[in-house]
Full PDB file with SEQRES, HELIX, SHEET, SSBOND, CRYST1, ORIGX, SCALE, CONECT and MASTER records, all heavy atoms in Angstrom:
SEQRES   1 A   32  LEU LEU ALA PHE ALA PHE LEU GLY ILE TYR TYR LEU ILE          
SEQRES   2 A   32  VAL SER SER MET GLY GLY MET MET GLY LYS VAL TYR ARG          
SEQRES   3 A   32  ILE SER PHE PHE MET MET                                      
HELIX    1 AA1 LEU A    2  SER A   15  1                                  14    
HELIX    2 AA2 GLY A   19  MET A   31  1                                  13    
CRYST1    1.000    1.000    1.000  90.00  90.00  90.00 P 1           1          
ORIGX1      1.000000  0.000000  0.000000        0.00000                         
ORIGX2      0.000000  1.000000  0.000000        0.00000                         
ORIGX3      0.000000  0.000000  1.000000        0.00000                         
SCALE1      1.000000  0.000000  0.000000        0.00000                         
SCALE2      0.000000  1.000000  0.000000        0.00000                         
SCALE3      0.000000  0.000000  1.000000        0.00000                         
ATOM      1  N   LEU A   1       0.814  -1.195  -0.042  1.00  0.00           N  
ATOM      2  CA  LEU A   1      -0.008  -0.003  -0.026  1.00  0.00           C  
ATOM      3  C   LEU A   1       0.839   1.281   0.016  1.00  0.00           C  
ATOM      4  O   LEU A   1       0.518   2.197  -0.633  1.00  0.00           O  
ATOM      5  CB  LEU A   1      -0.936   0.007   1.244  1.00  0.00           C  
ATOM      6  CG  LEU A   1      -2.064  -0.983   1.182  1.00  0.00           C  
ATOM      7  CD1 LEU A   1      -2.912  -0.843   2.474  1.00  0.00           C  
ATOM      8  CD2 LEU A   1      -2.923  -0.782  -0.053  1.00  0.00           C  
ATOM      9  N   LEU A   2       1.942   1.288   0.779  1.00  0.00           N  
ATOM     10  CA  LEU A   2       2.847   2.368   0.760  1.00  0.00           C  
ATOM     11  C   LEU A   2       3.482   2.576  -0.645  1.00  0.00           C  
ATOM     12  O   LEU A   2       3.649   3.716  -1.165  1.00  0.00           O  
ATOM     13  CB  LEU A   2       4.055   2.125   1.778  1.00  0.00           C  
ATOM     14  CG  LEU A   2       3.606   2.222   3.249  1.00  0.00           C  
ATOM     15  CD1 LEU A   2       4.793   1.979   4.100  1.00  0.00           C  
ATOM     16  CD2 LEU A   2       3.107   3.662   3.508  1.00  0.00           C  
ATOM     17  N   ALA A   3       3.873   1.495  -1.278  1.00  0.00           N  
ATOM     18  CA  ALA A   3       4.366   1.501  -2.644  1.00  0.00           C  
ATOM     19  C   ALA A   3       3.332   2.113  -3.659  1.00  0.00           C  
ATOM     20  O   ALA A   3       3.668   2.959  -4.489  1.00  0.00           O  
ATOM     21  CB  ALA A   3       4.809   0.179  -3.164  1.00  0.00           C  
ATOM     22  N   PHE A   4       2.080   1.695  -3.513  1.00  0.00           N  
ATOM     23  CA  PHE A   4       1.008   2.187  -4.400  1.00  0.00           C  
ATOM     24  C   PHE A   4       0.802   3.710  -4.128  1.00  0.00           C  
ATOM     25  O   PHE A   4       0.643   4.416  -5.061  1.00  0.00           O  
ATOM     26  CB  PHE A   4      -0.249   1.500  -4.126  1.00  0.00           C  
ATOM     27  CG  PHE A   4      -0.278  -0.013  -4.525  1.00  0.00           C  
ATOM     28  CD1 PHE A   4      -0.980  -0.924  -3.785  1.00  0.00           C  
ATOM     29  CD2 PHE A   4       0.615  -0.464  -5.527  1.00  0.00           C  
ATOM     30  CE1 PHE A   4      -0.886  -2.276  -4.101  1.00  0.00           C  
ATOM     31  CE2 PHE A   4       0.589  -1.732  -5.911  1.00  0.00           C  
ATOM     32  CZ  PHE A   4      -0.178  -2.706  -5.185  1.00  0.00           C  
ATOM     33  N   ALA A   5       0.737   4.103  -2.779  1.00  0.00           N  
ATOM     34  CA  ALA A   5       0.634   5.537  -2.570  1.00  0.00           C  
ATOM     35  C   ALA A   5       1.799   6.336  -3.076  1.00  0.00           C  
ATOM     36  O   ALA A   5       1.514   7.439  -3.620  1.00  0.00           O  
ATOM     37  CB  ALA A   5       0.589   5.691  -0.987  1.00  0.00           C  
ATOM     38  N   PHE A   6       2.968   5.819  -2.958  1.00  0.00           N  
ATOM     39  CA  PHE A   6       4.142   6.538  -3.538  1.00  0.00           C  
ATOM     40  C   PHE A   6       4.042   6.736  -5.132  1.00  0.00           C  
ATOM     41  O   PHE A   6       4.198   7.766  -5.558  1.00  0.00           O  
ATOM     42  CB  PHE A   6       5.424   5.808  -3.190  1.00  0.00           C  
ATOM     43  CG  PHE A   6       6.635   6.318  -4.032  1.00  0.00           C  
ATOM     44  CD1 PHE A   6       7.270   7.481  -3.654  1.00  0.00           C  
ATOM     45  CD2 PHE A   6       7.075   5.657  -5.131  1.00  0.00           C  
ATOM     46  CE1 PHE A   6       8.365   7.958  -4.319  1.00  0.00           C  
ATOM     47  CE2 PHE A   6       8.212   6.089  -5.814  1.00  0.00           C  
ATOM     48  CZ  PHE A   6       8.853   7.260  -5.409  1.00  0.00           C  
ATOM     49  N   LEU A   7       3.597   5.624  -5.698  1.00  0.00           N  
ATOM     50  CA  LEU A   7       3.337   5.821  -7.221  1.00  0.00           C  
ATOM     51  C   LEU A   7       2.287   6.743  -7.612  1.00  0.00           C  
ATOM     52  O   LEU A   7       2.430   7.506  -8.569  1.00  0.00           O  
ATOM     53  CB  LEU A   7       3.061   4.390  -7.826  1.00  0.00           C  
ATOM     54  CG  LEU A   7       4.242   3.414  -7.781  1.00  0.00           C  
ATOM     55  CD1 LEU A   7       3.834   1.995  -8.334  1.00  0.00           C  
ATOM     56  CD2 LEU A   7       5.367   3.898  -8.695  1.00  0.00           C  
ATOM     57  N   GLY A   8       1.207   6.796  -6.723  1.00  0.00           N  
ATOM     58  CA  GLY A   8       0.180   7.679  -7.044  1.00  0.00           C  
ATOM     59  C   GLY A   8       0.592   9.090  -6.892  1.00  0.00           C  
ATOM     60  O   GLY A   8       0.235   9.980  -7.769  1.00  0.00           O  
ATOM     61  N   ILE A   9       1.311   9.391  -5.800  1.00  0.00           N  
ATOM     62  CA  ILE A   9       1.819  10.780  -5.612  1.00  0.00           C  
ATOM     63  C   ILE A   9       2.869  11.161  -6.737  1.00  0.00           C  
ATOM     64  O   ILE A   9       2.830  12.225  -7.320  1.00  0.00           O  
ATOM     65  CB  ILE A   9       2.487  10.921  -4.206  1.00  0.00           C  
ATOM     66  CG1 ILE A   9       1.444  10.711  -3.062  1.00  0.00           C  
ATOM     67  CG2 ILE A   9       3.151  12.304  -4.006  1.00  0.00           C  
ATOM     68  CD1 ILE A   9       1.963  10.669  -1.703  1.00  0.00           C  
ATOM     69  N   TYR A  10       3.707  10.126  -7.103  1.00  0.00           N  
ATOM     70  CA  TYR A  10       4.751  10.345  -8.093  1.00  0.00           C  
ATOM     71  C   TYR A  10       4.050  10.684  -9.468  1.00  0.00           C  
ATOM     72  O   TYR A  10       4.434  11.590 -10.233  1.00  0.00           O  
ATOM     73  CB  TYR A  10       5.611   9.127  -8.236  1.00  0.00           C  
ATOM     74  CG  TYR A  10       6.817   9.292  -9.155  1.00  0.00           C  
ATOM     75  CD1 TYR A  10       8.005   9.868  -8.667  1.00  0.00           C  
ATOM     76  CD2 TYR A  10       6.731   8.761 -10.422  1.00  0.00           C  
ATOM     77  CE1 TYR A  10       9.012   9.994  -9.429  1.00  0.00           C  
ATOM     78  CE2 TYR A  10       7.811   8.889 -11.303  1.00  0.00           C  
ATOM     79  CZ  TYR A  10       8.973   9.545 -10.803  1.00  0.00           C  
ATOM     80  OH  TYR A  10      10.084   9.632 -11.674  1.00  0.00           O  
ATOM     81  N   TYR A  11       3.008   9.977  -9.722  1.00  0.00           N  
ATOM     82  CA  TYR A  11       2.252  10.217 -11.031  1.00  0.00           C  
ATOM     83  C   TYR A  11       1.606  11.650 -11.029  1.00  0.00           C  
ATOM     84  O   TYR A  11       1.618  12.333 -12.060  1.00  0.00           O  
ATOM     85  CB  TYR A  11       1.098   9.186 -11.204  1.00  0.00           C  
ATOM     86  CG  TYR A  11       0.312   9.426 -12.457  1.00  0.00           C  
ATOM     87  CD1 TYR A  11       0.780   9.150 -13.767  1.00  0.00           C  
ATOM     88  CD2 TYR A  11      -0.925   9.952 -12.394  1.00  0.00           C  
ATOM     89  CE1 TYR A  11       0.094   9.312 -14.854  1.00  0.00           C  
ATOM     90  CE2 TYR A  11      -1.760  10.199 -13.512  1.00  0.00           C  
ATOM     91  CZ  TYR A  11      -1.156   9.877 -14.752  1.00  0.00           C  
ATOM     92  OH  TYR A  11      -1.854  10.159 -15.846  1.00  0.00           O  
ATOM     93  N   LEU A  12       1.028  12.044  -9.912  1.00  0.00           N  
ATOM     94  CA  LEU A  12       0.444  13.428  -9.815  1.00  0.00           C  
ATOM     95  C   LEU A  12       1.475  14.469 -10.132  1.00  0.00           C  
ATOM     96  O   LEU A  12       1.223  15.473 -10.671  1.00  0.00           O  
ATOM     97  CB  LEU A  12      -0.209  13.666  -8.445  1.00  0.00           C  
ATOM     98  CG  LEU A  12      -1.510  12.829  -8.201  1.00  0.00           C  
ATOM     99  CD1 LEU A  12      -1.980  13.062  -6.821  1.00  0.00           C  
ATOM    100  CD2 LEU A  12      -2.619  13.120  -9.207  1.00  0.00           C  
ATOM    101  N   ILE A  13       2.668  14.222  -9.626  1.00  0.00           N  
ATOM    102  CA  ILE A  13       3.755  15.189  -9.846  1.00  0.00           C  
ATOM    103  C   ILE A  13       4.244  15.222 -11.301  1.00  0.00           C  
ATOM    104  O   ILE A  13       4.305  16.254 -11.856  1.00  0.00           O  
ATOM    105  CB  ILE A  13       4.920  14.963  -8.839  1.00  0.00           C  
ATOM    106  CG1 ILE A  13       4.464  15.076  -7.426  1.00  0.00           C  
ATOM    107  CG2 ILE A  13       6.087  15.772  -9.179  1.00  0.00           C  
ATOM    108  CD1 ILE A  13       5.564  14.667  -6.358  1.00  0.00           C  
ATOM    109  N   VAL A  14       4.511  13.998 -11.806  1.00  0.00           N  
ATOM    110  CA  VAL A  14       5.120  13.943 -13.147  1.00  0.00           C  
ATOM    111  C   VAL A  14       4.157  14.288 -14.204  1.00  0.00           C  
ATOM    112  O   VAL A  14       4.394  14.745 -15.371  1.00  0.00           O  
ATOM    113  CB  VAL A  14       5.759  12.569 -13.426  1.00  0.00           C  
ATOM    114  CG1 VAL A  14       6.827  12.258 -12.396  1.00  0.00           C  
ATOM    115  CG2 VAL A  14       4.690  11.462 -13.458  1.00  0.00           C  
ATOM    116  N   SER A  15       2.828  14.042 -13.990  1.00  0.00           N  
ATOM    117  CA  SER A  15       1.836  14.246 -14.990  1.00  0.00           C  
ATOM    118  C   SER A  15       1.641  15.785 -15.208  1.00  0.00           C  
ATOM    119  O   SER A  15       1.095  16.277 -16.288  1.00  0.00           O  
ATOM    120  CB  SER A  15       0.471  13.716 -14.570  1.00  0.00           C  
ATOM    121  OG  SER A  15      -0.015  14.298 -13.422  1.00  0.00           O  
ATOM    122  N   SER A  16       2.037  16.636 -14.306  1.00  0.00           N  
ATOM    123  CA  SER A  16       1.920  18.091 -14.454  1.00  0.00           C  
ATOM    124  C   SER A  16       3.223  18.678 -15.073  1.00  0.00           C  
ATOM    125  O   SER A  16       3.323  19.894 -15.329  1.00  0.00           O  
ATOM    126  CB  SER A  16       1.680  18.781 -13.028  1.00  0.00           C  
ATOM    127  OG  SER A  16       2.800  18.521 -12.183  1.00  0.00           O  
ATOM    128  N   MET A  17       4.166  17.831 -15.324  1.00  0.00           N  
ATOM    129  CA  MET A  17       5.447  18.363 -15.906  1.00  0.00           C  
ATOM    130  C   MET A  17       5.482  18.239 -17.370  1.00  0.00           C  
ATOM    131  O   MET A  17       4.868  17.260 -17.922  1.00  0.00           O  
ATOM    132  CB  MET A  17       6.612  17.526 -15.362  1.00  0.00           C  
ATOM    133  CG  MET A  17       6.830  17.632 -13.769  1.00  0.00           C  
ATOM    134  SD  MET A  17       8.175  16.497 -13.202  1.00  0.00           S  
ATOM    135  CE  MET A  17       9.570  17.300 -14.034  1.00  0.00           C  
ATOM    136  N   GLY A  18       5.988  19.124 -18.086  1.00  0.00           N  
ATOM    137  CA  GLY A  18       6.024  19.199 -19.487  1.00  0.00           C  
ATOM    138  C   GLY A  18       7.457  19.078 -20.070  1.00  0.00           C  
ATOM    139  O   GLY A  18       8.409  18.993 -19.262  1.00  0.00           O  
ATOM    140  N   GLY A  19       7.605  19.078 -21.391  1.00  0.00           N  
ATOM    141  CA  GLY A  19       8.869  19.052 -21.884  1.00  0.00           C  
ATOM    142  C   GLY A  19       9.529  17.732 -21.934  1.00  0.00           C  
ATOM    143  O   GLY A  19       8.890  16.699 -21.602  1.00  0.00           O  
ATOM    144  N   MET A  20      10.750  17.648 -22.192  1.00  0.00           N  
ATOM    145  CA  MET A  20      11.498  16.471 -22.257  1.00  0.00           C  
ATOM    146  C   MET A  20      11.665  15.821 -20.955  1.00  0.00           C  
ATOM    147  O   MET A  20      11.528  14.587 -20.750  1.00  0.00           O  
ATOM    148  CB  MET A  20      12.946  16.681 -22.815  1.00  0.00           C  
ATOM    149  CG  MET A  20      13.741  15.403 -22.937  1.00  0.00           C  
ATOM    150  SD  MET A  20      13.015  14.216 -24.006  1.00  0.00           S  
ATOM    151  CE  MET A  20      13.095  15.047 -25.588  1.00  0.00           C  
ATOM    152  N   MET A  21      11.841  16.612 -19.845  1.00  0.00           N  
ATOM    153  CA  MET A  21      11.974  16.064 -18.519  1.00  0.00           C  
ATOM    154  C   MET A  21      10.660  15.377 -18.060  1.00  0.00           C  
ATOM    155  O   MET A  21      10.678  14.336 -17.429  1.00  0.00           O  
ATOM    156  CB  MET A  21      12.394  17.113 -17.503  1.00  0.00           C  
ATOM    157  CG  MET A  21      13.819  17.567 -17.686  1.00  0.00           C  
ATOM    158  SD  MET A  21      15.010  16.308 -17.560  1.00  0.00           S  
ATOM    159  CE  MET A  21      14.775  15.681 -15.865  1.00  0.00           C  
ATOM    160  N   GLY A  22       9.566  15.991 -18.487  1.00  0.00           N  
ATOM    161  CA  GLY A  22       8.309  15.309 -18.135  1.00  0.00           C  
ATOM    162  C   GLY A  22       8.194  13.979 -18.769  1.00  0.00           C  
ATOM    163  O   GLY A  22       7.681  13.075 -18.150  1.00  0.00           O  
ATOM    164  N   LYS A  23       8.593  13.787 -19.996  1.00  0.00           N  
ATOM    165  CA  LYS A  23       8.548  12.525 -20.691  1.00  0.00           C  
ATOM    166  C   LYS A  23       9.483  11.493 -20.013  1.00  0.00           C  
ATOM    167  O   LYS A  23       9.051  10.305 -19.897  1.00  0.00           O  
ATOM    168  CB  LYS A  23       8.977  12.651 -22.185  1.00  0.00           C  
ATOM    169  CG  LYS A  23       7.932  13.411 -22.990  1.00  0.00           C  
ATOM    170  CD  LYS A  23       8.390  13.586 -24.488  1.00  0.00           C  
ATOM    171  CE  LYS A  23       7.485  14.347 -25.302  1.00  0.00           C  
ATOM    172  NZ  LYS A  23       7.841  14.460 -26.691  1.00  0.00           N  
ATOM    173  N   VAL A  24      10.592  11.927 -19.616  1.00  0.00           N  
ATOM    174  CA  VAL A  24      11.561  11.037 -18.957  1.00  0.00           C  
ATOM    175  C   VAL A  24      10.923  10.524 -17.615  1.00  0.00           C  
ATOM    176  O   VAL A  24      11.001   9.380 -17.314  1.00  0.00           O  
ATOM    177  CB  VAL A  24      12.867  11.698 -18.702  1.00  0.00           C  
ATOM    178  CG1 VAL A  24      13.778  10.939 -17.724  1.00  0.00           C  
ATOM    179  CG2 VAL A  24      13.545  12.063 -19.976  1.00  0.00           C  
ATOM    180  N   TYR A  25      10.328  11.448 -16.791  1.00  0.00           N  
ATOM    181  CA  TYR A  25       9.808  11.024 -15.538  1.00  0.00           C  
ATOM    182  C   TYR A  25       8.534  10.130 -15.672  1.00  0.00           C  
ATOM    183  O   TYR A  25       8.224   9.254 -14.942  1.00  0.00           O  
ATOM    184  CB  TYR A  25       9.417  12.321 -14.701  1.00  0.00           C  
ATOM    185  CG  TYR A  25      10.494  12.908 -14.065  1.00  0.00           C  
ATOM    186  CD1 TYR A  25      11.086  14.207 -14.381  1.00  0.00           C  
ATOM    187  CD2 TYR A  25      11.229  12.230 -12.981  1.00  0.00           C  
ATOM    188  CE1 TYR A  25      12.132  14.774 -13.689  1.00  0.00           C  
ATOM    189  CE2 TYR A  25      12.297  12.725 -12.360  1.00  0.00           C  
ATOM    190  CZ  TYR A  25      12.745  14.071 -12.667  1.00  0.00           C  
ATOM    191  OH  TYR A  25      13.838  14.634 -12.063  1.00  0.00           O  
ATOM    192  N   ARG A  26       7.746  10.440 -16.812  1.00  0.00           N  
ATOM    193  CA  ARG A  26       6.616   9.536 -17.098  1.00  0.00           C  
ATOM    194  C   ARG A  26       7.073   8.112 -17.429  1.00  0.00           C  
ATOM    195  O   ARG A  26       6.486   7.121 -17.037  1.00  0.00           O  
ATOM    196  CB  ARG A  26       5.750  10.133 -18.146  1.00  0.00           C  
ATOM    197  CG  ARG A  26       4.840  11.274 -17.632  1.00  0.00           C  
ATOM    198  CD  ARG A  26       3.788  11.608 -18.591  1.00  0.00           C  
ATOM    199  NE  ARG A  26       4.368  12.459 -19.675  1.00  0.00           N  
ATOM    200  CZ  ARG A  26       4.510  13.762 -19.660  1.00  0.00           C  
ATOM    201  NH1 ARG A  26       4.093  14.415 -18.588  1.00  0.00           N  
ATOM    202  NH2 ARG A  26       5.018  14.386 -20.791  1.00  0.00           N  
ATOM    203  N   ILE A  27       8.124   8.045 -18.210  1.00  0.00           N  
ATOM    204  CA  ILE A  27       8.671   6.670 -18.552  1.00  0.00           C  
ATOM    205  C   ILE A  27       9.178   6.008 -17.314  1.00  0.00           C  
ATOM    206  O   ILE A  27       8.980   4.864 -17.092  1.00  0.00           O  
ATOM    207  CB  ILE A  27       9.854   6.920 -19.577  1.00  0.00           C  
ATOM    208  CG1 ILE A  27       9.340   7.340 -20.920  1.00  0.00           C  
ATOM    209  CG2 ILE A  27      10.606   5.552 -19.689  1.00  0.00           C  
ATOM    210  CD1 ILE A  27      10.368   7.607 -21.975  1.00  0.00           C  
ATOM    211  N   SER A  28       9.911   6.755 -16.408  1.00  0.00           N  
ATOM    212  CA  SER A  28      10.323   6.101 -15.117  1.00  0.00           C  
ATOM    213  C   SER A  28       9.171   5.738 -14.251  1.00  0.00           C  
ATOM    214  O   SER A  28       9.262   4.629 -13.568  1.00  0.00           O  
ATOM    215  CB  SER A  28      11.132   7.194 -14.316  1.00  0.00           C  
ATOM    216  OG  SER A  28      10.368   8.218 -13.952  1.00  0.00           O  
ATOM    217  N   PHE A  29       8.016   6.420 -14.380  1.00  0.00           N  
ATOM    218  CA  PHE A  29       6.842   5.990 -13.667  1.00  0.00           C  
ATOM    219  C   PHE A  29       6.305   4.595 -14.155  1.00  0.00           C  
ATOM    220  O   PHE A  29       6.043   3.779 -13.379  1.00  0.00           O  
ATOM    221  CB  PHE A  29       5.675   7.085 -13.715  1.00  0.00           C  
ATOM    222  CG  PHE A  29       4.428   6.650 -13.261  1.00  0.00           C  
ATOM    223  CD1 PHE A  29       4.084   6.515 -11.870  1.00  0.00           C  
ATOM    224  CD2 PHE A  29       3.431   6.240 -14.171  1.00  0.00           C  
ATOM    225  CE1 PHE A  29       2.870   6.094 -11.458  1.00  0.00           C  
ATOM    226  CE2 PHE A  29       2.181   5.850 -13.752  1.00  0.00           C  
ATOM    227  CZ  PHE A  29       1.885   5.763 -12.448  1.00  0.00           C  
ATOM    228  N   PHE A  30       6.194   4.518 -15.435  1.00  0.00           N  
ATOM    229  CA  PHE A  30       5.755   3.243 -16.033  1.00  0.00           C  
ATOM    230  C   PHE A  30       6.670   2.102 -15.704  1.00  0.00           C  
ATOM    231  O   PHE A  30       6.266   0.933 -15.482  1.00  0.00           O  
ATOM    232  CB  PHE A  30       5.525   3.379 -17.462  1.00  0.00           C  
ATOM    233  CG  PHE A  30       4.256   4.188 -17.825  1.00  0.00           C  
ATOM    234  CD1 PHE A  30       4.388   5.399 -18.487  1.00  0.00           C  
ATOM    235  CD2 PHE A  30       2.969   3.731 -17.529  1.00  0.00           C  
ATOM    236  CE1 PHE A  30       3.269   6.160 -18.754  1.00  0.00           C  
ATOM    237  CE2 PHE A  30       1.853   4.495 -17.736  1.00  0.00           C  
ATOM    238  CZ  PHE A  30       2.062   5.752 -18.497  1.00  0.00           C  
ATOM    239  N   MET A  31       7.989   2.419 -15.790  1.00  0.00           N  
ATOM    240  CA  MET A  31       8.957   1.334 -15.368  1.00  0.00           C  
ATOM    241  C   MET A  31       8.779   0.844 -13.914  1.00  0.00           C  
ATOM    242  O   MET A  31       8.905  -0.277 -13.683  1.00  0.00           O  
ATOM    243  CB  MET A  31      10.389   1.849 -15.633  1.00  0.00           C  
ATOM    244  CG  MET A  31      10.690   2.161 -17.097  1.00  0.00           C  
ATOM    245  SD  MET A  31      10.650   0.644 -18.115  1.00  0.00           S  
ATOM    246  CE  MET A  31      11.992  -0.252 -17.449  1.00  0.00           C  
ATOM    247  N   MET A  32       8.622   1.821 -13.054  1.00  0.00           N  
ATOM    248  CA  MET A  32       8.385   1.415 -11.571  1.00  0.00           C  
ATOM    249  C   MET A  32       7.129   0.689 -11.434  1.00  0.00           C  
ATOM    250  O   MET A  32       7.075  -0.243 -10.698  1.00  0.00           O  
ATOM    251  CB  MET A  32       8.438   2.697 -10.747  1.00  0.00           C  
ATOM    252  CG  MET A  32       9.737   3.342 -10.532  1.00  0.00           C  
ATOM    253  SD  MET A  32       9.778   4.566  -9.315  1.00  0.00           S  
ATOM    254  CE  MET A  32       8.895   5.855 -10.177  1.00  0.00           C  
TER     255      MET A  32                                                      
MASTER        0    0    0    2    0    0    0    6  254    1    0    3          
END                                                                             
């Protein structure tokens, strides 16, 4: 549950990011 919560918060953060860094963080989210 802690891992799921971390991924949920991480997604909320990276989904609001744009540009190349946003794509990199979204890829890292899916990998996790």
